[in-house]
Amino acid sequence: MLQLLRQELKYLHGLQLSVPSELRGWAWDRPPVRPRYRAGLGVAEVAYYSCCPREALEARLRGPRQDAAMLLGAAVHELFRRVAYGLQGLVGRGVEPWEAARRVMESRAYAEVASQLGLAGEAQRLRDLQGALAVMLAGDATLQRLLGGSATGSWAPWLSEYVVDGTPLGLARRLRVDALMSGAVVEFKVGQARDWHAVQMAGYAMALESQLEVPFDYGLLVSVSLSPPSLSVHGLLLGEGPRSRFLEARDSMAEELASSGVAAV
């Protein structure tokens, strides 16, 4: 998988991208990045509002609720984390990558995740995904070793989930980015890539820029399919278009919530 990410990032680097300075996250103290409302919104719900405002507002107003699709997404994220950390731990203790993959494949992580999230009916598909992930990550670790690098973590940037403070942009205090890689935001999604995913990743990019004051111009969206288990990588340019859409959606959603008494001005 690491090679897929690198190839897509190399392709993005070859494209022309100009981001206006006023749309960088470090411009959080002036419009249009400076928020008119501080509603503590999440990046994903703002991005979803950009395409489906009524559904996004209803979801916010009725409070936290996870449907089957959201639970499956949570299960995939957790399984990915367990496989990656399990493999890293074994390889770090001197176990050969392919032997580490075999041990991870034989673990019951998939069953534990399915049980915790009430997805007993998805246990077999999660088991298949667990095996595919173990093989794929073991391949990354092996390749990194053959290239003379470390096989204990640099091959898996997604092991470093990043928590960023979104309050300078009027967002939630603890935003979670799946991974960072060479100026790119990396996110995992179950199913097909959607138009609003670019908006979501632009929101994360601006939040990261407001905290780190370094540019994040690219998005790498990893789409996960379960039947059969497979991964595909979609490169995204996080330029003026998705950034402007995110800021417009943020302000519009916060204004509607404020008028309903949900969000503080």
C-alpha atoms as a PDB file:
ATOM      1  CA  MET A   1       0.000   0.000   0.000  1.00  0.00           C
ATOM      2  CA  LEU A   2       2.857   2.365   0.762  1.00  0.00           C
ATOM      3  CA  GLN A   3       3.934   2.247  -2.886  1.00  0.00           C
ATOM      4  CA  LEU A   4       0.410   3.158  -4.004  1.00  0.00           C
ATOM      5  CA  LEU A   5       0.420   6.164  -1.679  1.00  0.00           C
ATOM      6  CA  ARG A   6       3.851   7.262  -2.852  1.00  0.00           C
ATOM      7  CA  GLN A   7       2.956   6.910  -6.527  1.00  0.00           C
ATOM      8  CA  GLU A   8      -0.210   8.946  -6.102  1.00  0.00           C
ATOM      9  CA  LEU A   9       1.630  11.610  -4.108  1.00  0.00           C
ATOM     10  CA  LYS A  10       4.333  11.810  -6.792  1.00  0.00           C
ATOM     11  CA  TYR A  11       1.634  12.303  -9.396  1.00  0.00           C
ATOM     12  CA  LEU A  12       0.060  15.107  -7.331  1.00  0.00           C
ATOM     13  CA  HIS A  13       3.432  16.803  -6.940  1.00  0.00           C
ATOM     14  CA  GLY A  14       3.604  17.103 -10.721  1.00  0.00           C
ATOM     15  CA  LEU A  15       0.350  19.065 -10.937  1.00  0.00           C
ATOM     16  CA  GLN A  16       0.068  22.829 -10.711  1.00  0.00           C
ATOM     17  CA  LEU A  17      -1.534  24.031  -7.481  1.00  0.00           C
ATOM     18  CA  SER A  18      -1.861  27.561  -6.179  1.00  0.00           C
ATOM     19  CA  VAL A  19      -3.531  28.144  -2.822  1.00  0.00           C
ATOM     20  CA  PRO A  20      -4.417  31.777  -2.019  1.00  0.00           C
ATOM     21  CA  SER A  21      -2.738  32.885   1.199  1.00  0.00           C
ATOM     22  CA  GLU A  22      -6.077  33.965   2.659  1.00  0.00           C
ATOM     23  CA  LEU A  23      -7.287  30.344   2.466  1.00  0.00           C
ATOM     24  CA  ARG A  24      -4.406  28.888   4.437  1.00  0.00           C
ATOM     25  CA  GLY A  25      -5.239  27.688   7.922  1.00  0.00           C
ATOM     26  CA  TRP A  26      -2.672  29.996   9.474  1.00  0.00           C
ATOM     27  CA  ALA A  27      -4.900  32.889   8.352  1.00  0.00           C
ATOM     28  CA  TRP A  28      -7.365  31.861  11.086  1.00  0.00           C
ATOM     29  CA  ASP A  29      -7.416  35.409  12.520  1.00  0.00           C
ATOM     30  CA  ARG A  30      -8.934  37.031   9.429  1.00  0.00           C
ATOM     31  CA  PRO A  31     -11.747  36.332   6.953  1.00  0.00           C
ATOM     32  CA  PRO A  32     -12.646  34.054   5.312  1.00  0.00           C
ATOM     33  CA  VAL A  33     -10.877  31.503   7.535  1.00  0.00           C
ATOM     34  CA  ARG A  34     -11.768  33.333  10.749  1.00  0.00           C
ATOM     35  CA  PRO A  35     -15.067  31.826  11.932  1.00  0.00           C
ATOM     36  CA  ARG A  36     -18.172  33.938  12.423  1.00  0.00           C
ATOM     37  CA  TYR A  37     -19.487  31.350  14.890  1.00  0.00           C
ATOM     38  CA  ARG A  38     -17.824  28.931  17.259  1.00  0.00           C
ATOM     39  CA  ALA A  39     -20.099  25.922  17.049  1.00  0.00           C
ATOM     40  CA  GLY A  40     -17.493  23.237  17.739  1.00  0.00           C
ATOM     41  CA  LEU A  41     -18.368  21.403  14.549  1.00  0.00           C
ATOM     42  CA  GLY A  42     -16.558  18.330  13.273  1.00  0.00           C
ATOM     43  CA  VAL A  43     -14.829  18.415   9.901  1.00  0.00           C
ATOM     44  CA  ALA A  44     -16.808  15.464   8.545  1.00  0.00           C
ATOM     45  CA  GLU A  45     -20.205  16.937   9.421  1.00  0.00           C
ATOM     46  CA  VAL A  46     -19.313  20.266   7.797  1.00  0.00           C
ATOM     47  CA  ALA A  47     -18.139  18.472   4.658  1.00  0.00           C
ATOM     48  CA  TYR A  48     -21.319  16.389   4.579  1.00  0.00           C
ATOM     49  CA  TYR A  49     -23.345  19.593   4.977  1.00  0.00           C
ATOM     50  CA  SER A  50     -21.674  20.925   1.814  1.00  0.00           C
ATOM     51  CA  CYS A  51     -23.548  18.318  -0.230  1.00  0.00           C
ATOM     52  CA  CYS A  52     -26.506  17.304   1.968  1.00  0.00           C
ATOM     53  CA  PRO A  53     -27.370  20.214   4.291  1.00  0.00           C
ATOM     54  CA  ARG A  54     -30.724  18.912   5.522  1.00  0.00           C
ATOM     55  CA  GLU A  55     -29.386  15.478   6.431  1.00  0.00           C
ATOM     56  CA  ALA A  56     -26.303  16.972   8.113  1.00  0.00           C
ATOM     57  CA  LEU A  57     -28.405  19.355  10.207  1.00  0.00           C
ATOM     58  CA  GLU A  58     -30.814  16.617  11.229  1.00  0.00           C
ATOM     59  CA  ALA A  59     -27.909  14.420  12.301  1.00  0.00           C
ATOM     60  CA  ARG A  60     -26.456  17.260  14.385  1.00  0.00           C
ATOM     61  CA  LEU A  61     -29.758  18.167  16.030  1.00  0.00           C
ATOM     62  CA  ARG A  62     -30.784  14.644  16.972  1.00  0.00           C
ATOM     63  CA  GLY A  63     -27.436  14.003  18.675  1.00  0.00           C
ATOM     64  CA  PRO A  64     -24.868  11.229  18.233  1.00  0.00           C
ATOM     65  CA  ARG A  65     -26.234   8.163  16.488  1.00  0.00           C
ATOM     66  CA  GLN A  66     -24.408   5.584  14.438  1.00  0.00           C
ATOM     67  CA  ASP A  67     -26.140   3.752  11.613  1.00  0.00           C
ATOM     68  CA  ALA A  68     -24.931   0.481  10.111  1.00  0.00           C
ATOM     69  CA  ALA A  69     -22.632   2.207   7.619  1.00  0.00           C
ATOM     70  CA  MET A  70     -21.002   4.320  10.311  1.00  0.00           C
ATOM     71  CA  LEU A  71     -20.502   1.294  12.546  1.00  0.00           C
ATOM     72  CA  LEU A  72     -18.890  -0.602   9.695  1.00  0.00           C
ATOM     73  CA  GLY A  73     -16.590   2.339   9.033  1.00  0.00           C
ATOM     74  CA  ALA A  74     -15.618   2.422  12.710  1.00  0.00           C
ATOM     75  CA  ALA A  75     -14.942  -1.326  12.593  1.00  0.00           C
ATOM     76  CA  VAL A  76     -12.658  -0.994   9.565  1.00  0.00           C
ATOM     77  CA  HIS A  77     -10.710   1.844  11.204  1.00  0.00           C
ATOM     78  CA  GLU A  78     -10.260  -0.133  14.416  1.00  0.00           C
ATOM     79  CA  LEU A  79      -9.274  -3.310  12.580  1.00  0.00           C
ATOM     80  CA  PHE A  80      -6.746  -1.394  10.510  1.00  0.00           C
ATOM     81  CA  ARG A  81      -5.268   0.072  13.696  1.00  0.00           C
ATOM     82  CA  ARG A  82      -5.026  -3.330  15.384  1.00  0.00           C
ATOM     83  CA  VAL A  83      -3.420  -5.015  12.384  1.00  0.00           C
ATOM     84  CA  ALA A  84      -0.900  -2.199  11.872  1.00  0.00           C
ATOM     85  CA  TYR A  85       0.111  -1.955  15.526  1.00  0.00           C
ATOM     86  CA  GLY A  86       0.186  -5.741  15.906  1.00  0.00           C
ATOM     87  CA  LEU A  87       2.459  -6.132  12.920  1.00  0.00           C
ATOM     88  CA  GLN A  88       4.670  -3.245  13.979  1.00  0.00           C
ATOM     89  CA  GLY A  89       5.082  -4.697  17.461  1.00  0.00           C
ATOM     90  CA  LEU A  90       6.101  -8.122  16.173  1.00  0.00           C
ATOM     91  CA  VAL A  91       8.502  -6.774  13.555  1.00  0.00           C
ATOM     92  CA  GLY A  92       9.987  -4.432  16.152  1.00  0.00           C
ATOM     93  CA  ARG A  93      10.793  -7.471  18.311  1.00  0.00           C
ATOM     94  CA  GLY A  94      12.685  -9.117  15.461  1.00  0.00           C
ATOM     95  CA  VAL A  95       9.952 -11.279  13.917  1.00  0.00           C
ATOM     96  CA  GLU A  96      10.212 -11.508  10.136  1.00  0.00           C
ATOM     97  CA  PRO A  97       7.407  -9.536   8.417  1.00  0.00           C
ATOM     98  CA  TRP A  98       5.742 -12.569   6.781  1.00  0.00           C
ATOM     99  CA  GLU A  99       5.803 -14.556  10.018  1.00  0.00           C
ATOM    100  CA  ALA A 100       4.365 -11.512  11.775  1.00  0.00           C
ATOM    101  CA  ALA A 101       1.624 -11.366   9.138  1.00  0.00           C
ATOM    102  CA  ARG A 102       0.768 -15.033   9.738  1.00  0.00           C
ATOM    103  CA  ARG A 103       0.418 -14.442  13.474  1.00  0.00           C
ATOM    104  CA  VAL A 104      -1.734 -11.355  12.948  1.00  0.00           C
ATOM    105  CA  MET A 105      -3.937 -13.226  10.475  1.00  0.00           C
ATOM    106  CA  GLU A 106      -4.511 -15.965  13.059  1.00  0.00           C
ATOM    107  CA  SER A 107      -5.529 -13.527  15.789  1.00  0.00           C
ATOM    108  CA  ARG A 108      -9.177 -12.916  16.609  1.00  0.00           C
ATOM    109  CA  ALA A 109      -9.015  -9.155  16.300  1.00  0.00           C
ATOM    110  CA  TYR A 110     -11.814  -9.218  13.709  1.00  0.00           C
ATOM    111  CA  ALA A 111     -14.126 -11.100  16.098  1.00  0.00           C
ATOM    112  CA  GLU A 112     -13.397  -8.743  18.970  1.00  0.00           C
ATOM    113  CA  VAL A 113     -14.090  -5.685  16.811  1.00  0.00           C
ATOM    114  CA  ALA A 114     -17.301  -7.205  15.432  1.00  0.00           C
ATOM    115  CA  SER A 115     -18.492  -8.055  18.942  1.00  0.00           C
ATOM    116  CA  GLN A 116     -17.677  -4.624  20.382  1.00  0.00           C
ATOM    117  CA  LEU A 117     -19.623  -2.819  17.656  1.00  0.00           C
ATOM    118  CA  GLY A 118     -22.524  -5.251  17.386  1.00  0.00           C
ATOM    119  CA  LEU A 119     -21.549  -6.411  13.904  1.00  0.00           C
ATOM    120  CA  ALA A 120     -21.607 -10.182  14.314  1.00  0.00           C
ATOM    121  CA  GLY A 121     -23.006 -10.518  10.808  1.00  0.00           C
ATOM    122  CA  GLU A 122     -19.927  -8.813   9.375  1.00  0.00           C
ATOM    123  CA  ALA A 123     -17.389 -11.016  11.184  1.00  0.00           C
ATOM    124  CA  GLN A 124     -16.427 -13.040   8.104  1.00  0.00           C
ATOM    125  CA  ARG A 125     -15.912  -9.986   5.906  1.00  0.00           C
ATOM    126  CA  LEU A 126     -13.838  -8.359   8.636  1.00  0.00           C
ATOM    127  CA  ARG A 127     -11.793 -11.536   8.947  1.00  0.00           C
ATOM    128  CA  ASP A 128     -11.065 -11.472   5.212  1.00  0.00           C
ATOM    129  CA  LEU A 129     -10.063  -7.813   5.470  1.00  0.00           C
ATOM    130  CA  GLN A 130      -7.798  -8.559   8.426  1.00  0.00           C
ATOM    131  CA  GLY A 131      -5.918 -11.138   6.360  1.00  0.00           C
ATOM    132  CA  ALA A 132      -5.609  -8.820   3.357  1.00  0.00           C
ATOM    133  CA  LEU A 133      -4.305  -5.966   5.504  1.00  0.00           C
ATOM    134  CA  ALA A 134      -1.757  -8.185   7.236  1.00  0.00           C
ATOM    135  CA  VAL A 135      -0.357  -9.371   3.908  1.00  0.00           C
ATOM    136  CA  MET A 136      -0.305  -5.867   2.441  1.00  0.00           C
ATOM    137  CA  LEU A 137       1.450  -4.282   5.410  1.00  0.00           C
ATOM    138  CA  ALA A 138       3.938  -7.128   5.649  1.00  0.00           C
ATOM    139  CA  GLY A 139       4.781  -6.453   2.013  1.00  0.00           C
ATOM    140  CA  ASP A 140       5.371  -2.774   2.834  1.00  0.00           C
ATOM    141  CA  ALA A 141       7.658  -3.700   5.744  1.00  0.00           C
ATOM    142  CA  THR A 142       9.609  -6.149   3.591  1.00  0.00           C
ATOM    143  CA  LEU A 143      10.048  -3.641   0.777  1.00  0.00           C
ATOM    144  CA  GLN A 144      11.218  -0.966   3.197  1.00  0.00           C
ATOM    145  CA  ARG A 145      13.802  -3.377   4.593  1.00  0.00           C
ATOM    146  CA  LEU A 146      15.042  -4.321   1.112  1.00  0.00           C
ATOM    147  CA  LEU A 147      15.443  -0.618   0.307  1.00  0.00           C
ATOM    148  CA  GLY A 148      17.655  -0.221   3.354  1.00  0.00           C
ATOM    149  CA  GLY A 149      15.151   1.532   5.600  1.00  0.00           C
ATOM    150  CA  SER A 150      13.654   0.657   8.947  1.00  0.00           C
ATOM    151  CA  ALA A 151      11.034  -2.072   9.022  1.00  0.00           C
ATOM    152  CA  THR A 152       9.668  -0.976  12.389  1.00  0.00           C
ATOM    153  CA  GLY A 153       7.325   1.854  11.492  1.00  0.00           C
ATOM    154  CA  SER A 154       8.389   4.230   8.706  1.00  0.00           C
ATOM    155  CA  TRP A 155       6.529   1.997   6.246  1.00  0.00           C
ATOM    156  CA  ALA A 156       3.243   2.709   8.035  1.00  0.00           C
ATOM    157  CA  PRO A 157       2.501   6.447   8.310  1.00  0.00           C
ATOM    158  CA  TRP A 158      -1.071   5.628   9.361  1.00  0.00           C
ATOM    159  CA  LEU A 159       0.254   4.451  12.708  1.00  0.00           C
ATOM    160  CA  SER A 160       0.512   8.125  13.659  1.00  0.00           C
ATOM    161  CA  GLU A 161      -3.116   9.242  13.951  1.00  0.00           C
ATOM    162  CA  TYR A 162      -2.911  12.995  14.478  1.00  0.00           C
ATOM    163  CA  VAL A 163      -5.119  14.976  16.848  1.00  0.00           C
ATOM    164  CA  VAL A 164      -5.427  18.660  15.970  1.00  0.00           C
ATOM    165  CA  ASP A 165      -7.167  21.511  17.798  1.00  0.00           C
ATOM    166  CA  GLY A 166      -9.881  22.905  15.539  1.00  0.00           C
ATOM    167  CA  THR A 167     -10.926  25.827  17.755  1.00  0.00           C
ATOM    168  CA  PRO A 168      -9.000  28.513  15.790  1.00  0.00           C
ATOM    169  CA  LEU A 169     -11.316  27.661  12.881  1.00  0.00           C
ATOM    170  CA  GLY A 170     -14.432  27.466  15.070  1.00  0.00           C
ATOM    171  CA  LEU A 171     -14.378  23.678  14.925  1.00  0.00           C
ATOM    172  CA  ALA A 172     -14.222  20.943  17.563  1.00  0.00           C
ATOM    173  CA  ARG A 173     -11.285  20.957  19.959  1.00  0.00           C
ATOM    174  CA  ARG A 174     -10.134  17.431  19.112  1.00  0.00           C
ATOM    175  CA  LEU A 175     -10.145  16.637  15.408  1.00  0.00           C
ATOM    176  CA  ARG A 176      -8.650  13.289  14.427  1.00  0.00           C
ATOM    177  CA  VAL A 177      -6.768  12.907  11.155  1.00  0.00           C
ATOM    178  CA  ASP A 178      -6.145   9.292  10.167  1.00  0.00           C
ATOM    179  CA  ALA A 179      -2.545   9.922   9.083  1.00  0.00           C
ATOM    180  CA  LEU A 180      -0.105  12.450   7.659  1.00  0.00           C
ATOM    181  CA  MET A 181       2.383  11.814   4.874  1.00  0.00           C
ATOM    182  CA  SER A 182       4.772  14.335   3.282  1.00  0.00           C
ATOM    183  CA  GLY A 183       2.459  17.341   3.310  1.00  0.00           C
ATOM    184  CA  ALA A 184      -0.605  15.207   2.604  1.00  0.00           C
ATOM    185  CA  VAL A 185      -3.665  14.350   4.659  1.00  0.00           C
ATOM    186  CA  VAL A 186      -4.437  10.612   4.584  1.00  0.00           C
ATOM    187  CA  GLU A 187      -7.981   9.407   5.260  1.00  0.00           C
ATOM    188  CA  PHE A 188      -9.596   5.967   5.110  1.00  0.00           C
ATOM    189  CA  LYS A 189     -13.180   5.493   3.929  1.00  0.00           C
ATOM    190  CA  VAL A 190     -15.359   2.436   3.404  1.00  0.00           C
ATOM    191  CA  GLY A 191     -16.891   2.401  -0.060  1.00  0.00           C
ATOM    192  CA  GLN A 192     -16.521   4.747  -2.996  1.00  0.00           C
ATOM    193  CA  ALA A 193     -14.928   8.186  -2.940  1.00  0.00           C
ATOM    194  CA  ARG A 194     -17.475  11.014  -2.830  1.00  0.00           C
ATOM    195  CA  ASP A 195     -17.230  14.618  -3.958  1.00  0.00           C
ATOM    196  CA  TRP A 196     -17.539  15.905  -0.388  1.00  0.00           C
ATOM    197  CA  HIS A 197     -14.513  13.895   0.736  1.00  0.00           C
ATOM    198  CA  ALA A 198     -12.253  16.506  -0.909  1.00  0.00           C
ATOM    199  CA  VAL A 199     -14.067  19.172   1.117  1.00  0.00           C
ATOM    200  CA  GLN A 200     -13.499  17.162   4.280  1.00  0.00           C
ATOM    201  CA  MET A 201      -9.788  16.758   3.616  1.00  0.00           C
ATOM    202  CA  ALA A 202      -9.474  20.470   2.843  1.00  0.00           C
ATOM    203  CA  GLY A 203     -10.967  21.154   6.268  1.00  0.00           C
ATOM    204  CA  TYR A 204      -8.395  18.926   7.908  1.00  0.00           C
ATOM    205  CA  ALA A 205      -5.633  20.593   5.875  1.00  0.00           C
ATOM    206  CA  MET A 206      -6.618  24.058   7.113  1.00  0.00           C
ATOM    207  CA  ALA A 207      -6.915  22.866  10.703  1.00  0.00           C
ATOM    208  CA  LEU A 208      -3.427  21.347  10.478  1.00  0.00           C
ATOM    209  CA  GLU A 209      -2.049  24.523   8.919  1.00  0.00           C
ATOM    210  CA  SER A 210      -3.513  26.620  11.726  1.00  0.00           C
ATOM    211  CA  GLN A 211      -1.624  24.532  14.277  1.00  0.00           C
ATOM    212  CA  LEU A 212       1.601  23.566  12.500  1.00  0.00           C
ATOM    213  CA  GLU A 213       1.971  26.555  10.124  1.00  0.00           C
ATOM    214  CA  VAL A 214       3.186  24.351   7.281  1.00  0.00           C
ATOM    215  CA  PRO A 215       1.221  23.794   4.046  1.00  0.00           C
ATOM    216  CA  PHE A 216      -0.920  20.733   3.412  1.00  0.00           C
ATOM    217  CA  ASP A 217      -1.741  20.814  -0.275  1.00  0.00           C
ATOM    218  CA  TYR A 218      -2.696  17.208  -0.962  1.00  0.00           C
ATOM    219  CA  GLY A 219      -5.147  14.561   0.132  1.00  0.00           C
ATOM    220  CA  LEU A 220      -4.748  10.801  -0.157  1.00  0.00           C
ATOM    221  CA  LEU A 221      -8.089   9.060   0.202  1.00  0.00           C
ATOM    222  CA  VAL A 222      -7.845   5.301   0.770  1.00  0.00           C
ATOM    223  CA  SER A 223     -11.124   3.653  -0.213  1.00  0.00           C
ATOM    224  CA  VAL A 224     -11.716   0.277   1.419  1.00  0.00           C
ATOM    225  CA  SER A 225     -13.966  -2.367  -0.132  1.00  0.00           C
ATOM    226  CA  LEU A 226     -14.994  -5.485   1.784  1.00  0.00           C
ATOM    227  CA  SER A 227     -16.434  -7.712  -0.939  1.00  0.00           C
ATOM    228  CA  PRO A 228     -13.818  -8.806  -1.823  1.00  0.00           C
ATOM    229  CA  PRO A 229     -11.327  -6.960   0.412  1.00  0.00           C
ATOM    230  CA  SER A 230      -9.402  -4.382  -1.613  1.00  0.00           C
ATOM    231  CA  LEU A 231      -7.936  -0.885  -1.323  1.00  0.00           C
ATOM    232  CA  SER A 232      -7.655   1.931  -3.822  1.00  0.00           C
ATOM    233  CA  VAL A 233      -5.949   5.306  -3.422  1.00  0.00           C
ATOM    234  CA  HIS A 234      -7.371   8.568  -4.759  1.00  0.00           C
ATOM    235  CA  GLY A 235      -5.160  11.660  -4.855  1.00  0.00           C
ATOM    236  CA  LEU A 236      -6.821  15.031  -4.283  1.00  0.00           C
ATOM    237  CA  LEU A 237      -5.596  18.592  -4.713  1.00  0.00           C
ATOM    238  CA  LEU A 238      -6.679  20.663  -1.715  1.00  0.00           C
ATOM    239  CA  GLY A 239      -6.790  24.001  -3.476  1.00  0.00           C
ATOM    240  CA  GLU A 240      -9.081  26.996  -3.570  1.00  0.00           C
ATOM    241  CA  GLY A 241     -12.235  25.101  -4.586  1.00  0.00           C
ATOM    242  CA  PRO A 242     -12.566  22.563  -1.743  1.00  0.00           C
ATOM    243  CA  ARG A 243     -11.224  25.058   0.825  1.00  0.00           C
ATOM    244  CA  SER A 244     -13.805  27.685  -0.127  1.00  0.00           C
ATOM    245  CA  ARG A 245     -16.585  25.089  -0.098  1.00  0.00           C
ATOM    246  CA  PHE A 246     -15.568  23.961   3.371  1.00  0.00           C
ATOM    247  CA  LEU A 247     -15.515  27.491   4.795  1.00  0.00           C
ATOM    248  CA  GLU A 248     -18.864  28.356   3.208  1.00  0.00           C
ATOM    249  CA  ALA A 249     -20.428  25.169   4.581  1.00  0.00           C
ATOM    250  CA  ARG A 250     -18.900  25.761   8.027  1.00  0.00           C
ATOM    251  CA  ASP A 251     -20.315  29.271   8.286  1.00  0.00           C
ATOM    252  CA  SER A 252     -23.708  28.356   6.837  1.00  0.00           C
ATOM    253  CA  MET A 253     -24.148  25.316   9.078  1.00  0.00           C
ATOM    254  CA  ALA A 254     -23.018  27.186  12.181  1.00  0.00           C
ATOM    255  CA  GLU A 255     -25.391  30.053  11.391  1.00  0.00           C
ATOM    256  CA  GLU A 256     -28.348  27.712  11.030  1.00  0.00           C
ATOM    257  CA  LEU A 257     -27.474  25.986  14.297  1.00  0.00           C
ATOM    258  CA  ALA A 258     -27.010  29.313  16.073  1.00  0.00           C
ATOM    259  CA  SER A 259     -30.439  30.495  14.905  1.00  0.00           C
ATOM    260  CA  SER A 260     -31.919  27.311  16.378  1.00  0.00           C
ATOM    261  CA  GLY A 261     -30.202  27.906  19.711  1.00  0.00           C
ATOM    262  CA  VAL A 262     -27.859  24.924  19.392  1.00  0.00           C
ATOM    263  CA  ALA A 263     -24.598  26.753  18.740  1.00  0.00           C
ATOM    264  CA  ALA A 264     -23.162  29.705  20.603  1.00  0.00           C
ATOM    265  CA  VAL A 265     -22.356  32.849  18.622  1.00  0.00           C
END
